[in-house]
Amino acid sequence: MMDEYIRKQDAVDLVNKISNLDLKAKGGICVSLANLEKADVVPVVHGKWMKEDRGRVEYCAVCDQCGFDWMWSDRGYFKFCPNCGAKMDGGES
């Protein structure tokens, strides 16, 4: 099963919106959430390859997040930038 991650503050806010819990119960849940161990995750950066014509048979593909560029022809594009790790899915929608 794949892990799913949420922000602790979002969970605390949700607990505080539950109207049928008394303050002591809400406080206990919020303290428990605050004491959970942090997951080792990083935010996903979305980007896209910008194609630049430099007057050659090959084209230069440039990462719109970090500026990394590389020459390509029939090889296609990487799904992730090899320099900054951005997920090349056209940007966040």
PDB file of N, CA and C in Angstrom:
ATOM      1  N   MET A   1       0.842  -1.186   0.000  1.00  0.00           N
ATOM      2  CA  MET A   1       0.000   0.000   0.000  1.00  0.00           C
ATOM      3  C   MET A   1       0.882   1.243   0.000  1.00  0.00           C
ATOM      4  N   MET A   2       0.535   2.185  -0.822  1.00  0.00           N
ATOM      5  CA  MET A   2       1.316   3.413  -0.915  1.00  0.00           C
ATOM      6  C   MET A   2       0.935   4.362   0.236  1.00  0.00           C
ATOM      7  N   ASP A   3       1.944   4.959   0.851  1.00  0.00           N
ATOM      8  CA  ASP A   3       1.682   5.928   1.908  1.00  0.00           C
ATOM      9  C   ASP A   3       1.139   7.216   1.306  1.00  0.00           C
ATOM     10  N   GLU A   4       0.241   7.848   2.037  1.00  0.00           N
ATOM     11  CA  GLU A   4      -0.245   9.158   1.656  1.00  0.00           C
ATOM     12  C   GLU A   4       0.101  10.111   2.787  1.00  0.00           C
ATOM     13  N   TYR A   5       0.473  11.319   2.445  1.00  0.00           N
ATOM     14  CA  TYR A   5       0.943  12.261   3.442  1.00  0.00           C
ATOM     15  C   TYR A   5       0.019  13.461   3.507  1.00  0.00           C
ATOM     16  N   ILE A   6      -0.188  13.953   4.725  1.00  0.00           N
ATOM     17  CA  ILE A   6      -0.990  15.157   4.945  1.00  0.00           C
ATOM     18  C   ILE A   6      -0.195  16.104   5.833  1.00  0.00           C
ATOM     19  N   ARG A   7      -0.586  17.361   5.814  1.00  0.00           N
ATOM     20  CA  ARG A   7       0.051  18.321   6.714  1.00  0.00           C
ATOM     21  C   ARG A   7      -0.591  18.198   8.090  1.00  0.00           C
ATOM     22  N   LYS A   8       0.232  18.242   9.144  1.00  0.00           N
ATOM     23  CA  LYS A   8      -0.293  18.146  10.512  1.00  0.00           C
ATOM     24  C   LYS A   8      -1.305  19.248  10.789  1.00  0.00           C
ATOM     25  N   GLN A   9      -1.016  20.457  10.305  1.00  0.00           N
ATOM     26  CA  GLN A   9      -1.918  21.578  10.583  1.00  0.00           C
ATOM     27  C   GLN A   9      -3.296  21.350   9.968  1.00  0.00           C
ATOM     28  N   ASP A  10      -3.356  20.711   8.799  1.00  0.00           N
ATOM     29  CA  ASP A  10      -4.652  20.398   8.188  1.00  0.00           C
ATOM     30  C   ASP A  10      -5.448  19.429   9.062  1.00  0.00           C
ATOM     31  N   ALA A  11      -4.753  18.442   9.659  1.00  0.00           N
ATOM     32  CA  ALA A  11      -5.420  17.487  10.540  1.00  0.00           C
ATOM     33  C   ALA A  11      -5.921  18.178  11.810  1.00  0.00           C
ATOM     34  N   VAL A  12      -5.099  19.051  12.376  1.00  0.00           N
ATOM     35  CA  VAL A  12      -5.503  19.795  13.579  1.00  0.00           C
ATOM     36  C   VAL A  12      -6.715  20.666  13.283  1.00  0.00           C
ATOM     37  N   ASP A  13      -6.696  21.346  12.149  1.00  0.00           N
ATOM     38  CA  ASP A  13      -7.831  22.193  11.767  1.00  0.00           C
ATOM     39  C   ASP A  13      -9.104  21.365  11.621  1.00  0.00           C
ATOM     40  N   LEU A  14      -8.982  20.172  11.058  1.00  0.00           N
ATOM     41  CA  LEU A  14     -10.142  19.299  10.892  1.00  0.00           C
ATOM     42  C   LEU A  14     -10.698  18.864  12.246  1.00  0.00           C
ATOM     43  N   VAL A  15      -9.803  18.488  13.161  1.00  0.00           N
ATOM     44  CA  VAL A  15     -10.237  18.089  14.505  1.00  0.00           C
ATOM     45  C   VAL A  15     -10.970  19.240  15.183  1.00  0.00           C
ATOM     46  N   ASN A  16     -10.455  20.445  15.039  1.00  0.00           N
ATOM     47  CA  ASN A  16     -11.084  21.601  15.685  1.00  0.00           C
ATOM     48  C   ASN A  16     -12.451  21.943  15.104  1.00  0.00           C
ATOM     49  N   LYS A  17     -12.735  21.481  13.876  1.00  0.00           N
ATOM     50  CA  LYS A  17     -14.040  21.734  13.261  1.00  0.00           C
ATOM     51  C   LYS A  17     -15.115  20.733  13.700  1.00  0.00           C
ATOM     52  N   ILE A  18     -14.695  19.622  14.308  1.00  0.00           N
ATOM     53  CA  ILE A  18     -15.665  18.614  14.740  1.00  0.00           C
ATOM     54  C   ILE A  18     -16.416  19.153  15.948  1.00  0.00           C
ATOM     55  N   SER A  19     -17.710  19.343  15.788  1.00  0.00           N
ATOM     56  CA  SER A  19     -18.494  20.043  16.818  1.00  0.00           C
ATOM     57  C   SER A  19     -18.895  19.158  17.990  1.00  0.00           C
ATOM     58  N   ASN A  20     -18.954  17.833  17.807  1.00  0.00           N
ATOM     59  CA  ASN A  20     -19.443  17.004  18.913  1.00  0.00           C
ATOM     60  C   ASN A  20     -18.326  16.494  19.829  1.00  0.00           C
ATOM     61  N   LEU A  21     -17.108  17.017  19.697  1.00  0.00           N
ATOM     62  CA  LEU A  21     -16.019  16.677  20.609  1.00  0.00           C
ATOM     63  C   LEU A  21     -15.851  17.775  21.652  1.00  0.00           C
ATOM     64  N   ASP A  22     -15.635  17.367  22.902  1.00  0.00           N
ATOM     65  CA  ASP A  22     -15.388  18.390  23.922  1.00  0.00           C
ATOM     66  C   ASP A  22     -13.946  18.900  23.806  1.00  0.00           C
ATOM     67  N   LEU A  23     -13.662  19.998  24.481  1.00  0.00           N
ATOM     68  CA  LEU A  23     -12.345  20.636  24.364  1.00  0.00           C
ATOM     69  C   LEU A  23     -11.208  19.733  24.823  1.00  0.00           C
ATOM     70  N   LYS A  24     -11.457  18.923  25.872  1.00  0.00           N
ATOM     71  CA  LYS A  24     -10.409  18.037  26.369  1.00  0.00           C
ATOM     72  C   LYS A  24     -10.047  16.988  25.315  1.00  0.00           C
ATOM     73  N   ALA A  25     -11.054  16.422  24.659  1.00  0.00           N
ATOM     74  CA  ALA A  25     -10.806  15.420  23.620  1.00  0.00           C
ATOM     75  C   ALA A  25     -10.066  16.050  22.441  1.00  0.00           C
ATOM     76  N   LYS A  26     -10.521  17.235  22.029  1.00  0.00           N
ATOM     77  CA  LYS A  26      -9.848  17.929  20.921  1.00  0.00           C
ATOM     78  C   LYS A  26      -8.393  18.206  21.261  1.00  0.00           C
ATOM     79  N   GLY A  27      -8.159  18.660  22.486  1.00  0.00           N
ATOM     80  CA  GLY A  27      -6.793  18.951  22.917  1.00  0.00           C
ATOM     81  C   GLY A  27      -5.914  17.720  22.903  1.00  0.00           C
ATOM     82  N   GLY A  28      -6.456  16.587  23.367  1.00  0.00           N
ATOM     83  CA  GLY A  28      -5.695  15.341  23.392  1.00  0.00           C
ATOM     84  C   GLY A  28      -5.335  14.865  21.987  1.00  0.00           C
ATOM     85  N   ILE A  29      -6.306  14.983  21.079  1.00  0.00           N
ATOM     86  CA  ILE A  29      -6.046  14.570  19.700  1.00  0.00           C
ATOM     87  C   ILE A  29      -4.996  15.477  19.068  1.00  0.00           C
ATOM     88  N   CYS A  30      -5.111  16.776  19.281  1.00  0.00           N
ATOM     89  CA  CYS A  30      -4.162  17.729  18.689  1.00  0.00           C
ATOM     90  C   CYS A  30      -2.750  17.525  19.228  1.00  0.00           C
ATOM     91  N   VAL A  31      -2.628  17.226  20.518  1.00  0.00           N
ATOM     92  CA  VAL A  31      -1.308  16.939  21.099  1.00  0.00           C
ATOM     93  C   VAL A  31      -0.739  15.662  20.485  1.00  0.00           C
ATOM     94  N   SER A  32      -1.589  14.658  20.312  1.00  0.00           N
ATOM     95  CA  SER A  32      -1.133  13.403  19.701  1.00  0.00           C
ATOM     96  C   SER A  32      -0.650  13.633  18.274  1.00  0.00           C
ATOM     97  N   LEU A  33      -1.393  14.429  17.524  1.00  0.00           N
ATOM     98  CA  LEU A  33      -0.979  14.745  16.158  1.00  0.00           C
ATOM     99  C   LEU A  33       0.357  15.492  16.149  1.00  0.00           C
ATOM    100  N   ALA A  34       0.521  16.433  17.064  1.00  0.00           N
ATOM    101  CA  ALA A  34       1.754  17.217  17.124  1.00  0.00           C
ATOM    102  C   ALA A  34       2.953  16.338  17.462  1.00  0.00           C
ATOM    103  N   ASN A  35       2.726  15.246  18.190  1.00  0.00           N
ATOM    104  CA  ASN A  35       3.814  14.364  18.603  1.00  0.00           C
ATOM    105  C   ASN A  35       4.130  13.263  17.591  1.00  0.00           C
ATOM    106  N   LEU A  36       3.386  13.182  16.491  1.00  0.00           N
ATOM    107  CA  LEU A  36       3.684  12.174  15.475  1.00  0.00           C
ATOM    108  C   LEU A  36       5.040  12.430  14.849  1.00  0.00           C
ATOM    109  N   GLU A  37       5.731  11.346  14.507  1.00  0.00           N
ATOM    110  CA  GLU A  37       7.039  11.468  13.861  1.00  0.00           C
ATOM    111  C   GLU A  37       6.863  12.032  12.451  1.00  0.00           C
ATOM    112  N   LYS A  38       7.793  12.882  12.052  1.00  0.00           N
ATOM    113  CA  LYS A  38       7.742  13.467  10.717  1.00  0.00           C
ATOM    114  C   LYS A  38       8.123  12.422   9.671  1.00  0.00           C
ATOM    115  N   ALA A  39       7.447  12.489   8.525  1.00  0.00           N
ATOM    116  CA  ALA A  39       7.798  11.617   7.398  1.00  0.00           C
ATOM    117  C   ALA A  39       8.919  12.286   6.604  1.00  0.00           C
ATOM    118  N   ASP A  40       9.742  11.481   5.982  1.00  0.00           N
ATOM    119  CA  ASP A  40      10.857  11.989   5.187  1.00  0.00           C
ATOM    120  C   ASP A  40      10.380  12.176   3.742  1.00  0.00           C
ATOM    121  N   VAL A  41       9.724  13.292   3.484  1.00  0.00           N
ATOM    122  CA  VAL A  41       9.174  13.573   2.158  1.00  0.00           C
ATOM    123  C   VAL A  41       9.589  14.975   1.722  1.00  0.00           C
ATOM    124  N   VAL A  42       9.518  15.196   0.425  1.00  0.00           N
ATOM    125  CA  VAL A  42       9.792  16.527  -0.124  1.00  0.00           C
ATOM    126  C   VAL A  42       8.619  16.913  -1.018  1.00  0.00           C
ATOM    127  N   PRO A  43       8.343  18.199  -1.138  1.00  0.00           N
ATOM    128  CA  PRO A  43       7.261  18.615  -2.022  1.00  0.00           C
ATOM    129  C   PRO A  43       7.607  18.308  -3.485  1.00  0.00           C
ATOM    130  N   VAL A  44       6.599  17.998  -4.259  1.00  0.00           N
ATOM    131  CA  VAL A  44       6.796  17.730  -5.687  1.00  0.00           C
ATOM    132  C   VAL A  44       6.838  19.065  -6.425  1.00  0.00           C
ATOM    133  N   VAL A  45       7.890  19.263  -7.201  1.00  0.00           N
ATOM    134  CA  VAL A  45       7.999  20.453  -8.042  1.00  0.00           C
ATOM    135  C   VAL A  45       7.603  20.042  -9.456  1.00  0.00           C
ATOM    136  N   HIS A  46       6.645  20.749 -10.035  1.00  0.00           N
ATOM    137  CA  HIS A  46       6.177  20.462 -11.380  1.00  0.00           C
ATOM    138  C   HIS A  46       6.823  21.435 -12.354  1.00  0.00           C
ATOM    139  N   GLY A  47       7.178  20.943 -13.512  1.00  0.00           N
ATOM    140  CA  GLY A  47       7.793  21.811 -14.506  1.00  0.00           C
ATOM    141  C   GLY A  47       7.505  21.320 -15.906  1.00  0.00           C
ATOM    142  N   LYS A  48       8.155  21.950 -16.846  1.00  0.00           N
ATOM    143  CA  LYS A  48       8.026  21.518 -18.235  1.00  0.00           C
ATOM    144  C   LYS A  48       9.308  21.861 -18.976  1.00  0.00           C
ATOM    145  N   TRP A  49       9.555  21.094 -20.019  1.00  0.00           N
ATOM    146  CA  TRP A  49      10.703  21.356 -20.864  1.00  0.00           C
ATOM    147  C   TRP A  49      10.343  22.455 -21.849  1.00  0.00           C
ATOM    148  N   MET A  50      11.189  23.454 -21.919  1.00  0.00           N
ATOM    149  CA  MET A  50      11.019  24.538 -22.890  1.00  0.00           C
ATOM    150  C   MET A  50      11.947  24.225 -24.059  1.00  0.00           C
ATOM    151  N   LYS A  51      11.399  24.115 -25.236  1.00  0.00           N
ATOM    152  CA  LYS A  51      12.179  23.760 -26.415  1.00  0.00           C
ATOM    153  C   LYS A  51      12.745  25.031 -27.045  1.00  0.00           C
ATOM    154  N   GLU A  52      14.052  25.053 -27.215  1.00  0.00           N
ATOM    155  CA  GLU A  52      14.708  26.199 -27.837  1.00  0.00           C
ATOM    156  C   GLU A  52      15.385  25.748 -29.124  1.00  0.00           C
ATOM    157  N   ASP A  53      15.118  26.446 -30.197  1.00  0.00           N
ATOM    158  CA  ASP A  53      15.755  26.154 -31.479  1.00  0.00           C
ATOM    159  C   ASP A  53      17.037  26.972 -31.548  1.00  0.00           C
ATOM    160  N   ARG A  54      18.154  26.286 -31.583  1.00  0.00           N
ATOM    161  CA  ARG A  54      19.439  26.972 -31.654  1.00  0.00           C
ATOM    162  C   ARG A  54      20.079  26.811 -33.035  1.00  0.00           C
ATOM    163  N   GLY A  55      19.221  26.603 -34.053  1.00  0.00           N
ATOM    164  CA  GLY A  55      19.699  26.537 -35.421  1.00  0.00           C
ATOM    165  C   GLY A  55      20.421  25.268 -35.789  1.00  0.00           C
ATOM    166  N   ARG A  56      20.126  24.187 -35.116  1.00  0.00           N
ATOM    167  CA  ARG A  56      20.764  22.906 -35.400  1.00  0.00           C
ATOM    168  C   ARG A  56      19.695  21.857 -35.681  1.00  0.00           C
ATOM    169  N   VAL A  57      20.150  20.680 -36.051  1.00  0.00           N
ATOM    170  CA  VAL A  57      19.232  19.547 -36.221  1.00  0.00           C
ATOM    171  C   VAL A  57      18.663  19.163 -34.867  1.00  0.00           C
ATOM    172  N   GLU A  58      19.522  19.214 -33.857  1.00  0.00           N
ATOM    173  CA  GLU A  58      19.069  18.920 -32.503  1.00  0.00           C
ATOM    174  C   GLU A  58      18.499  20.192 -31.883  1.00  0.00           C
ATOM    175  N   TYR A  59      17.673  20.007 -30.875  1.00  0.00           N
ATOM    176  CA  TYR A  59      17.088  21.127 -30.155  1.00  0.00           C
ATOM    177  C   TYR A  59      17.598  21.127 -28.727  1.00  0.00           C
ATOM    178  N   CYS A  60      17.520  22.264 -28.131  1.00  0.00           N
ATOM    179  CA  CYS A  60      17.914  22.386 -26.734  1.00  0.00           C
ATOM    180  C   CYS A  60      16.645  22.396 -25.892  1.00  0.00           C
ATOM    181  N   ALA A  61      16.564  21.491 -24.924  1.00  0.00           N
ATOM    182  CA  ALA A  61      15.445  21.458 -23.985  1.00  0.00           C
ATOM    183  C   ALA A  61      15.927  22.085 -22.683  1.00  0.00           C
ATOM    184  N   VAL A  62      15.163  23.062 -22.171  1.00  0.00           N
ATOM    185  CA  VAL A  62      15.547  23.788 -20.961  1.00  0.00           C
ATOM    186  C   VAL A  62      14.479  23.586 -19.891  1.00  0.00           C
ATOM    187  N   CYS A  63      14.906  23.203 -18.691  1.00  0.00           N
ATOM    188  CA  CYS A  63      13.984  23.060 -17.557  1.00  0.00           C
ATOM    189  C   CYS A  63      13.503  24.444 -17.144  1.00  0.00           C
ATOM    190  N   ASP A  64      12.191  24.634 -17.068  1.00  0.00           N
ATOM    191  CA  ASP A  64      11.666  25.950 -16.688  1.00  0.00           C
ATOM    192  C   ASP A  64      11.823  26.234 -15.197  1.00  0.00           C
ATOM    193  N   GLN A  65      12.276  25.253 -14.404  1.00  0.00           N
ATOM    194  CA  GLN A  65      12.452  25.458 -12.967  1.00  0.00           C
ATOM    195  C   GLN A  65      13.886  25.847 -12.590  1.00  0.00           C
ATOM    196  N   CYS A  66      14.879  25.210 -13.229  1.00  0.00           N
ATOM    197  CA  CYS A  66      16.266  25.464 -12.821  1.00  0.00           C
ATOM    198  C   CYS A  66      17.161  25.946 -13.960  1.00  0.00           C
ATOM    199  N   GLY A  67      16.655  25.889 -15.207  1.00  0.00           N
ATOM    200  CA  GLY A  67      17.451  26.346 -16.336  1.00  0.00           C
ATOM    201  C   GLY A  67      18.390  25.298 -16.914  1.00  0.00           C
ATOM    202  N   PHE A  68      18.382  24.077 -16.373  1.00  0.00           N
ATOM    203  CA  PHE A  68      19.219  23.002 -16.915  1.00  0.00           C
ATOM    204  C   PHE A  68      18.857  22.785 -18.374  1.00  0.00           C
ATOM    205  N   ASP A  69      19.872  22.672 -19.230  1.00  0.00           N
ATOM    206  CA  ASP A  69      19.582  22.431 -20.642  1.00  0.00           C
ATOM    207  C   ASP A  69      20.386  21.260 -21.166  1.00  0.00           C
ATOM    208  N   TRP A  70      19.859  20.620 -22.183  1.00  0.00           N
ATOM    209  CA  TRP A  70      20.533  19.502 -22.808  1.00  0.00           C
ATOM    210  C   TRP A  70      20.044  19.388 -24.239  1.00  0.00           C
ATOM    211  N   MET A  71      20.889  18.811 -25.070  1.00  0.00           N
ATOM    212  CA  MET A  71      20.557  18.650 -26.485  1.00  0.00           C
ATOM    213  C   MET A  71      19.840  17.319 -26.685  1.00  0.00           C
ATOM    214  N   TRP A  72      18.846  17.329 -27.525  1.00  0.00           N
ATOM    215  CA  TRP A  72      18.120  16.093 -27.818  1.00  0.00           C
ATOM    216  C   TRP A  72      17.769  16.052 -29.290  1.00  0.00           C
ATOM    217  N   SER A  73      17.493  14.881 -29.784  1.00  0.00           N
ATOM    218  CA  SER A  73      17.026  14.740 -31.163  1.00  0.00           C
ATOM    219  C   SER A  73      15.828  13.801 -31.133  1.00  0.00           C
ATOM    220  N   ASP A  74      16.033  12.541 -31.415  1.00  0.00           N
ATOM    221  CA  ASP A  74      14.928  11.589 -31.412  1.00  0.00           C
ATOM    222  C   ASP A  74      14.774  10.861 -30.080  1.00  0.00           C
ATOM    223  N   ARG A  75      15.562  11.235 -29.085  1.00  0.00           N
ATOM    224  CA  ARG A  75      15.534  10.523 -27.811  1.00  0.00           C
ATOM    225  C   ARG A  75      14.329  10.892 -26.957  1.00  0.00           C
ATOM    226  N   GLY A  76      13.710  12.009 -27.217  1.00  0.00           N
ATOM    227  CA  GLY A  76      12.591  12.450 -26.389  1.00  0.00           C
ATOM    228  C   GLY A  76      13.074  13.158 -25.137  1.00  0.00           C
ATOM    229  N   TYR A  77      12.185  13.333 -24.202  1.00  0.00           N
ATOM    230  CA  TYR A  77      12.480  14.078 -22.989  1.00  0.00           C
ATOM    231  C   TYR A  77      12.556  13.164 -21.771  1.00  0.00           C
ATOM    232  N   PHE A  78      13.284  13.615 -20.754  1.00  0.00           N
ATOM    233  CA  PHE A  78      13.252  12.954 -19.457  1.00  0.00           C
ATOM    234  C   PHE A  78      11.908  13.265 -18.808  1.00  0.00           C
ATOM    235  N   LYS A  79      11.412  12.349 -17.968  1.00  0.00           N
ATOM    236  CA  LYS A  79      10.179  12.595 -17.225  1.00  0.00           C
ATOM    237  C   LYS A  79      10.444  13.450 -15.990  1.00  0.00           C
ATOM    238  N   PHE A  80      11.711  13.504 -15.583  1.00  0.00           N
ATOM    239  CA  PHE A  80      12.141  14.336 -14.462  1.00  0.00           C
ATOM    240  C   PHE A  80      13.396  15.081 -14.890  1.00  0.00           C
ATOM    241  N   CYS A  81      13.584  16.289 -14.390  1.00  0.00           N
ATOM    242  CA  CYS A  81      14.811  17.020 -14.683  1.00  0.00           C
ATOM    243  C   CYS A  81      15.957  16.331 -13.948  1.00  0.00           C
ATOM    244  N   PRO A  82      17.034  15.952 -14.646  1.00  0.00           N
ATOM    245  CA  PRO A  82      18.149  15.287 -13.972  1.00  0.00           C
ATOM    246  C   PRO A  82      18.930  16.224 -13.052  1.00  0.00           C
ATOM    247  N   ASN A  83      18.710  17.525 -13.156  1.00  0.00           N
ATOM    248  CA  ASN A  83      19.428  18.482 -12.321  1.00  0.00           C
ATOM    249  C   ASN A  83      18.681  18.791 -11.024  1.00  0.00           C
ATOM    250  N   CYS A  84      17.406  19.196 -11.118  1.00  0.00           N
ATOM    251  CA  CYS A  84      16.668  19.625  -9.921  1.00  0.00           C
ATOM    252  C   CYS A  84      15.586  18.642  -9.479  1.00  0.00           C
ATOM    253  N   GLY A  85      15.278  17.631 -10.317  1.00  0.00           N
ATOM    254  CA  GLY A  85      14.283  16.628  -9.947  1.00  0.00           C
ATOM    255  C   GLY A  85      12.848  17.017 -10.213  1.00  0.00           C
ATOM    256  N   ALA A  86      12.609  18.153 -10.869  1.00  0.00           N
ATOM    257  CA  ALA A  86      11.237  18.575 -11.152  1.00  0.00           C
ATOM    258  C   ALA A  86      10.525  17.528 -12.004  1.00  0.00           C
ATOM    259  N   LYS A  87       9.268  17.276 -11.660  1.00  0.00           N
ATOM    260  CA  LYS A  87       8.445  16.315 -12.424  1.00  0.00           C
ATOM    261  C   LYS A  87       7.950  17.051 -13.671  1.00  0.00           C
ATOM    262  N   MET A  88       8.354  16.561 -14.817  1.00  0.00           N
ATOM    263  CA  MET A  88       8.029  17.227 -16.080  1.00  0.00           C
ATOM    264  C   MET A  88       6.675  16.759 -16.605  1.00  0.00           C
ATOM    265  N   ASP A  89       5.636  17.346 -16.025  1.00  0.00           N
ATOM    266  CA  ASP A  89       4.277  16.987 -16.417  1.00  0.00           C
ATOM    267  C   ASP A  89       3.514  18.196 -16.935  1.00  0.00           C
ATOM    268  N   GLY A  90       4.239  19.253 -17.276  1.00  0.00           N
ATOM    269  CA  GLY A  90       3.602  20.430 -17.848  1.00  0.00           C
ATOM    270  C   GLY A  90       3.212  21.479 -16.833  1.00  0.00           C
ATOM    271  N   GLY A  91       3.517  21.268 -15.589  1.00  0.00           N
ATOM    272  CA  GLY A  91       3.187  22.236 -14.550  1.00  0.00           C
ATOM    273  C   GLY A  91       1.988  21.806 -13.752  1.00  0.00           C
ATOM    274  N   GLU A  92       1.804  22.426 -12.614  1.00  0.00           N
ATOM    275  CA  GLU A  92       0.723  22.084 -11.703  1.00  0.00           C
ATOM    276  C   GLU A  92      -0.568  22.725 -12.187  1.00  0.00           C
ATOM    277  N   SER A  93      -1.638  21.961 -12.146  1.00  0.00           N
ATOM    278  CA  SER A  93      -2.930  22.511 -12.591  1.00  0.00           C
ATOM    279  C   SER A  93      -3.816  22.824 -11.419  1.00  0.00           C
TER     280      SER A  93
END
